[in-house]
Protein backbone atom coordinates (compact mmCIF):
# COMPACT_ATOMS: atom_id res chain seq x y z
CA UNK A 1 56.16 -155.07 64.69
CA UNK A 2 53.24 -154.61 67.05
CA UNK A 3 55.11 -151.84 68.83
CA UNK A 4 55.69 -150.11 65.49
CA UNK A 5 51.99 -150.18 64.63
CA UNK A 6 51.09 -148.92 68.10
CA UNK A 7 53.54 -146.06 67.75
CA UNK A 8 52.13 -145.28 64.30
CA UNK A 9 48.57 -145.43 65.65
CA UNK A 10 49.34 -143.11 68.54
CA UNK A 11 51.22 -140.77 66.23
CA UNK A 12 48.28 -140.57 63.81
CA UNK A 13 45.87 -140.15 66.72
CA UNK A 14 47.99 -137.30 68.04
CA UNK A 15 48.06 -135.69 64.60
CA UNK A 16 44.28 -136.05 64.33
CA UNK A 17 43.72 -134.45 67.72
CA UNK A 18 46.14 -131.66 66.87
CA UNK A 19 44.42 -131.05 63.53
CA UNK A 20 41.01 -130.98 65.25
CA UNK A 21 42.33 -128.46 67.76
CA UNK A 22 43.72 -126.25 64.98
CA UNK A 23 40.46 -126.42 63.01
CA UNK A 24 38.44 -125.57 66.11
CA UNK A 25 40.75 -122.65 66.86
CA UNK A 26 40.48 -121.34 63.32
CA UNK A 27 36.70 -121.71 63.38
CA UNK A 28 36.39 -119.85 66.65
CA UNK A 29 38.68 -117.09 65.45
CA UNK A 30 36.66 -116.86 62.25
CA UNK A 31 33.38 -116.68 64.13
CA UNK A 32 34.74 -114.03 66.44
CA UNK A 33 36.69 -112.38 63.66
CA UNK A 34 34.16 -109.64 63.07
CA UNK A 35 35.67 -106.38 64.20
CA UNK A 36 34.15 -104.92 67.34
CA UNK A 37 32.90 -101.43 67.93
CA UNK A 38 35.48 -98.65 68.02
CA UNK A 39 35.50 -96.91 71.41
CA UNK A 40 35.42 -93.38 70.01
CA UNK A 41 32.40 -94.25 67.88
CA UNK A 42 30.59 -95.92 70.78
CA UNK A 43 30.99 -92.75 72.83
CA UNK A 44 29.77 -90.68 69.88
CA UNK A 45 26.59 -92.78 69.68
CA UNK A 46 26.01 -92.52 73.42
CA UNK A 47 26.43 -88.75 73.18
CA UNK A 48 23.93 -88.70 70.31
CA UNK A 49 21.50 -90.75 72.41
CA UNK A 50 21.63 -88.25 75.29
CA UNK A 51 19.81 -85.59 73.29
CA UNK A 52 16.98 -87.89 72.23
CA UNK A 53 13.68 -88.71 73.87
CA UNK A 54 13.16 -92.46 73.55
CA UNK A 55 9.72 -93.28 74.96
CA UNK A 56 9.54 -96.59 73.13
CA UNK A 57 12.93 -97.99 74.16
CA UNK A 58 14.30 -98.52 70.68
CA UNK A 59 17.71 -97.47 72.01
CA UNK A 60 17.54 -99.78 75.03
CA UNK A 61 20.53 -101.80 73.80
CA UNK A 62 22.70 -98.70 73.57
CA UNK A 63 24.66 -99.30 76.77
CA UNK A 64 28.21 -98.26 77.60
CA UNK A 65 30.91 -100.95 77.73
CA UNK A 66 29.02 -103.13 75.25
CA UNK A 67 29.78 -103.76 71.59
CA UNK A 68 27.91 -101.02 69.71
CA UNK A 69 28.05 -103.12 66.55
CA UNK A 70 25.54 -105.42 68.25
CA UNK A 71 23.18 -102.60 69.24
CA UNK A 72 19.79 -102.49 67.58
CA UNK A 73 19.39 -100.00 64.74
CA UNK A 74 23.16 -99.94 64.12
CA UNK A 75 25.22 -101.61 61.43
CA UNK A 76 29.02 -101.71 61.37
CA UNK A 77 31.53 -102.76 58.77
CA UNK A 78 32.33 -106.36 59.73
CA UNK A 79 36.02 -105.94 58.87
CA UNK A 80 36.82 -102.53 60.35
CA UNK A 81 34.20 -102.09 63.08
CA UNK A 82 33.32 -98.61 61.84
CA UNK A 83 29.65 -97.62 62.17
CA UNK A 84 28.11 -97.34 58.70
CA UNK A 85 24.35 -97.32 59.20
CA UNK A 86 22.03 -95.56 61.66
CA UNK A 87 18.48 -96.82 61.11
CA UNK A 88 16.24 -94.93 63.55
CA UNK A 89 13.03 -94.42 61.60
CA UNK A 90 9.74 -94.24 63.47
CA UNK A 91 6.14 -94.48 62.32
CA UNK A 92 4.85 -90.93 62.84
CA UNK A 93 2.08 -89.93 63.44
CA UNK A 94 1.19 -93.34 64.88
CA UNK A 95 4.37 -94.18 66.79
CA UNK A 96 7.05 -91.47 66.53
CA UNK A 97 9.69 -93.46 68.37
CA UNK A 98 12.13 -90.60 68.89
CA UNK A 99 11.97 -86.93 69.81
CA UNK A 100 14.25 -84.35 71.34
CA UNK A 101 17.25 -82.81 69.63
CA UNK A 102 19.71 -84.21 67.13
CA UNK A 103 23.29 -83.82 68.35
CA UNK A 104 24.98 -83.81 64.97
CA UNK A 105 28.30 -82.78 66.51
CA UNK A 106 28.52 -86.30 67.93
CA UNK A 107 27.75 -87.92 64.57
CA UNK A 108 30.75 -86.16 63.06
CA UNK A 109 32.85 -88.63 65.08
CA UNK A 110 31.42 -91.43 62.91
CA UNK A 111 33.67 -90.74 59.91
CA UNK A 112 32.55 -93.77 57.90
CA UNK A 113 28.79 -93.51 58.38
CA UNK A 114 26.98 -93.71 55.05
CA UNK A 115 23.32 -94.13 55.94
CA UNK A 116 21.18 -92.07 58.37
CA UNK A 117 17.43 -92.63 58.61
CA UNK A 118 15.57 -90.49 61.16
CA UNK A 119 12.30 -90.41 59.25
CA UNK A 120 8.80 -90.49 60.76
CA UNK A 121 9.82 -89.30 64.22
CA UNK A 122 8.79 -86.17 66.12
CA UNK A 123 11.53 -83.61 66.60
CA UNK A 124 9.13 -80.85 67.71
CA UNK A 125 10.00 -78.26 65.08
CA UNK A 126 13.75 -78.50 65.69
CA UNK A 127 15.98 -77.05 62.99
CA UNK A 128 18.02 -79.33 60.76
CA UNK A 129 21.54 -78.57 62.04
CA UNK A 130 23.95 -76.86 59.66
CA UNK A 131 26.54 -79.40 60.82
CA UNK A 132 24.60 -82.12 59.02
CA UNK A 133 26.52 -81.00 55.95
CA UNK A 134 29.78 -82.00 57.64
CA UNK A 135 29.03 -85.75 57.55
CA UNK A 136 30.55 -85.89 54.11
CA UNK A 137 30.66 -89.67 53.69
CA UNK A 138 26.86 -89.93 53.64
CA UNK A 139 25.15 -91.71 50.76
CA UNK A 140 21.65 -91.79 52.27
CA UNK A 141 19.86 -89.18 54.41
CA UNK A 142 16.17 -89.60 55.23
CA UNK A 143 14.48 -86.98 57.46
CA UNK A 144 11.01 -87.44 55.96
CA UNK A 145 7.94 -86.44 58.00
CA UNK A 146 9.73 -85.79 61.29
CA UNK A 147 8.46 -82.29 62.17
CA UNK A 148 11.64 -80.39 61.38
CA UNK A 149 11.36 -76.63 61.03
CA UNK A 150 13.51 -73.74 59.77
CA UNK A 151 15.27 -73.37 56.47
CA UNK A 152 16.93 -76.05 54.39
CA UNK A 153 20.62 -75.80 55.34
CA UNK A 154 22.72 -74.78 52.36
CA UNK A 155 25.49 -76.95 53.85
CA UNK A 156 23.65 -80.04 52.61
CA UNK A 157 25.25 -79.17 49.30
CA UNK A 158 28.54 -80.39 50.81
CA UNK A 159 27.27 -83.98 50.87
CA UNK A 160 28.70 -84.73 47.46
CA UNK A 161 28.37 -88.52 47.79
CA UNK A 162 24.63 -88.50 48.55
CA UNK A 163 22.42 -90.74 46.41
CA UNK A 164 19.22 -90.27 48.44
CA UNK A 165 17.91 -87.11 50.16
CA UNK A 166 14.38 -86.97 51.56
CA UNK A 167 13.26 -83.88 53.49
CA UNK A 168 9.61 -84.23 52.48
CA UNK A 169 6.62 -83.30 54.66
CA UNK A 170 8.55 -81.17 57.15
CA UNK A 171 7.79 -77.61 58.23
CA UNK A 172 10.70 -76.07 56.37
CA UNK A 173 10.35 -72.66 54.78
CA UNK A 174 12.16 -70.33 52.45
CA UNK A 175 13.91 -70.99 49.20
CA UNK A 176 15.56 -74.15 47.95
CA UNK A 177 19.33 -73.60 48.34
CA UNK A 178 21.15 -73.50 45.04
CA UNK A 179 23.88 -75.62 46.68
CA UNK A 180 21.62 -78.68 46.33
CA UNK A 181 22.72 -78.68 42.71
CA UNK A 182 26.24 -79.59 43.84
CA UNK A 183 25.16 -83.13 44.73
CA UNK A 184 25.83 -84.56 41.30
CA UNK A 185 25.29 -88.23 42.22
CA UNK A 186 21.85 -87.69 43.76
CA UNK A 187 19.26 -90.14 42.44
CA UNK A 188 16.29 -89.42 44.75
CA UNK A 189 15.36 -85.91 45.92
CA UNK A 190 12.18 -85.11 47.87
CA UNK A 191 11.63 -81.47 48.82
CA UNK A 192 7.85 -81.69 49.02
CA UNK A 193 7.61 -79.38 52.05
CA UNK A 194 4.88 -77.34 53.72
CA UNK A 195 6.22 -73.80 53.42
CA UNK A 196 8.62 -73.61 50.47
CA UNK A 197 8.64 -70.45 48.41
CA UNK A 198 10.52 -68.81 45.59
CA UNK A 199 11.65 -70.28 42.30
CA UNK A 200 13.10 -73.68 41.56
CA UNK A 201 16.86 -73.18 41.24
CA UNK A 202 18.20 -74.00 37.81
CA UNK A 203 21.14 -75.78 39.49
CA UNK A 204 18.89 -78.80 40.14
CA UNK A 205 19.11 -79.36 36.41
CA UNK A 206 22.79 -80.21 36.94
CA UNK A 207 21.96 -83.39 38.87
CA UNK A 208 22.07 -85.66 35.85
CA UNK A 209 21.78 -88.88 37.87
CA UNK A 210 18.38 -87.83 39.27
CA UNK A 211 15.62 -90.42 38.88
CA UNK A 212 12.96 -89.17 41.33
CA UNK A 213 12.20 -85.49 41.98
CA UNK A 214 9.48 -84.17 44.27
CA UNK A 215 9.12 -80.41 44.71
CA UNK A 216 6.43 -78.18 46.05
CA UNK A 217 4.69 -76.45 48.88
CA UNK A 218 2.14 -78.79 50.40
CA UNK A 219 -0.83 -77.91 52.59
CA UNK A 220 0.05 -78.40 56.28
CA UNK A 221 -1.73 -81.35 57.91
CA UNK A 222 -4.93 -80.96 59.85
CA UNK A 223 -4.42 -79.23 63.17
CA UNK A 224 -1.39 -77.21 62.06
CA UNK A 225 -1.91 -73.50 61.45
CA UNK A 226 -0.50 -71.86 58.37
CA UNK A 227 2.08 -69.20 59.20
CA UNK A 228 0.92 -65.84 57.86
CA UNK A 229 4.45 -64.44 57.72
CA UNK A 230 5.69 -67.17 55.40
CA UNK A 231 4.86 -67.59 51.75
CA UNK A 232 4.03 -71.13 50.78
CA UNK A 233 4.23 -71.51 47.07
CA UNK A 234 6.93 -72.32 44.61
CA UNK A 235 6.46 -70.47 41.37
CA UNK A 236 7.97 -69.80 38.01
CA UNK A 237 8.98 -71.97 35.12
CA UNK A 238 10.54 -75.38 35.57
CA UNK A 239 14.16 -74.64 34.65
CA UNK A 240 14.99 -78.01 33.12
CA UNK A 241 15.66 -78.80 29.50
CA UNK A 242 15.50 -82.00 27.55
CA UNK A 243 18.64 -83.99 28.21
CA UNK A 244 19.45 -82.28 31.50
CA UNK A 245 17.91 -85.09 33.54
CA UNK A 246 18.11 -88.11 31.23
CA UNK A 247 17.37 -90.68 33.96
CA UNK A 248 14.39 -88.88 35.52
CA UNK A 249 11.29 -91.09 35.59
CA UNK A 250 9.20 -89.58 38.43
CA UNK A 251 8.36 -85.88 38.75
CA UNK A 252 6.02 -84.66 41.51
CA UNK A 253 5.13 -80.96 41.64
CA UNK A 254 2.84 -79.14 44.08
CA UNK A 255 2.42 -75.38 43.73
CA UNK A 256 2.01 -72.69 41.10
CA UNK A 257 4.23 -73.73 38.24
CA UNK A 258 4.50 -72.60 34.68
CA UNK A 259 5.61 -75.72 32.85
CA UNK A 260 7.90 -74.98 29.93
CA UNK A 261 9.57 -77.83 28.12
CA UNK A 262 10.89 -78.13 24.61
CA UNK A 263 9.31 -81.53 24.06
CA UNK A 264 5.89 -82.30 25.58
CA UNK A 265 6.46 -85.98 24.84
CA UNK A 266 9.35 -85.97 27.33
CA UNK A 267 7.04 -84.68 30.06
CA UNK A 268 4.38 -87.27 29.23
CA UNK A 269 6.83 -90.13 29.81
CA UNK A 270 7.32 -89.19 33.47
CA UNK A 271 5.40 -90.63 36.40
CA UNK A 272 3.67 -88.25 38.78
């Protein structure tokens, strides 16, 4: 009888130890179950880093042969390991963390990236690359106040999934591309730039999801000379009608505008 109980005891003890081992194994696999960085995407990020000037070391964790999902300023999908977020904003003019050139051709190899924030850096009057419009999975693009120059690329109209687009306070000139009106899901649009000219395209009235709209040609900041060869005023009537932008609650306009609306009460309900 004693032998039976001893056998039962040892059997239960063995089962307990085995169960503990299984639980520990499952726990460890769960904790380490987050997908790691995909090699092709790690190399794309390292290629992107090569073109940047990083005087403040915010990319110091971006090292080859390490898990890029654990790098600072990066966020990956925990199940797939694909890079989804690139959060590289600075604090210009106080601390513009990054400068140099944006190698967008490398970012194209991040097919699942949805969020790019390069705002408040100093890109020394670099142009916004036309290829930016090829990152078609983007939902969020913030290039605010980062000293970009040139024209607004019409290819941005290819970013059909965008919800947020901020190009404000950059040294961009010329007309607003009519292709911006293709981004039907856009909720926030800031084109409050220093050298915009021409008329507001009526196609912006097609963005029915728009909640915040900032347009205009601002005065360049102190210390920056105005370019004599570039006009710097948007003009003409605001080409929107009641019902075109039913969700709009904030409208900011800087420039010479002739405001024409069918219902003045609609205009009075907006924030400025």
